Amino acid sequence: MIDLTITEGLAELVLDAPARRNALDAEALEELSGALRAAESRGARALLLRGAGPGFCAGRDISAVDPATDDVDDFLGRRVTGVLRQLAEFPAPTFAAVHGACLGVGLGLAIAADVVYVGERAKIGSPFANLGATLDSGGHWLFVERLGPHRALDLVYTAELMSGREAVEQGLFSRWVADEELLEFARARARRAAEGARLAFAASKGLVAEIRDRRLGLWEAIAAENRAQAALCASEDYAEGFRAFQEKRAPRFRGR
């Protein structure tokens, strides 16, 4: 159910089980992990993750799960968390194009992407109150970090879902786009990243993670930026970028 294509450095990874709204079971997670490894080994310079059919990903496929024998620690702790970490640590810019349902593990995949573009009518939130379960895959972190604890628990307790437009307006994700324009919008930006300054993008990705995880203050963040810029200064791409600017032409970055 996982399709991978790589065209001119852009890897497009598609969750392709629309009949079950791209819900993921253990086998699908294994496929997704393999696809991420393949994209990295084939030198993808950017990655776009999307879902086929009416939604992005409705979460875990529980259609055949027996609660009496369900090994949640293995499914969430090993399989899901492993894939989320793979996506978060992918060594190139990552984008998610989110439409329709984005719940549970699907929401976790969106959280793990660098940039998330959502369709105006996407459905985002925590339906777990209706299952006697709790939000997982990083959902609590996202809601508390960007909405605050009161709004986070409001969403958890009520099981209400936000539209894509509401999610962006409340600060969850980058931009909302009309649903019919979402895929081409996201593709165009992912393609631009694939053609861009790979070393500089990797430095910025690392800086954002460091600032977020270590809670760096302004002056610590500036010092980290200075170190990153000094390292980039020795690269061919850095010299090419300056030459292109001075010669008033488009740069040709090579990732060196």
Foldseek 3Di string as FASTA:
>chain_A
DWDWDADLQEIEIELEDVVQQSADDLVNLVVLVVRLVVSLVVRRQEYEYAYPDQWGYQYHDCVPPDVVPDPCCCVAVPRLVVSLVSLLVRLHAYEYETEAEQAASSVLNRVSHPAYEYEQFHWDAYQCVVVVDFRDNCLLVLCCVQPNDVVNVVRGNVVHTDGSCVCVVSPRGDYYDHPVCRPVVRVVVRVVRSQDASLVRSLVSVLVCCCVPVVDDDVVSVVSVVVSVVVCCPDPQVVQVVVCVVVVHDGGHDND
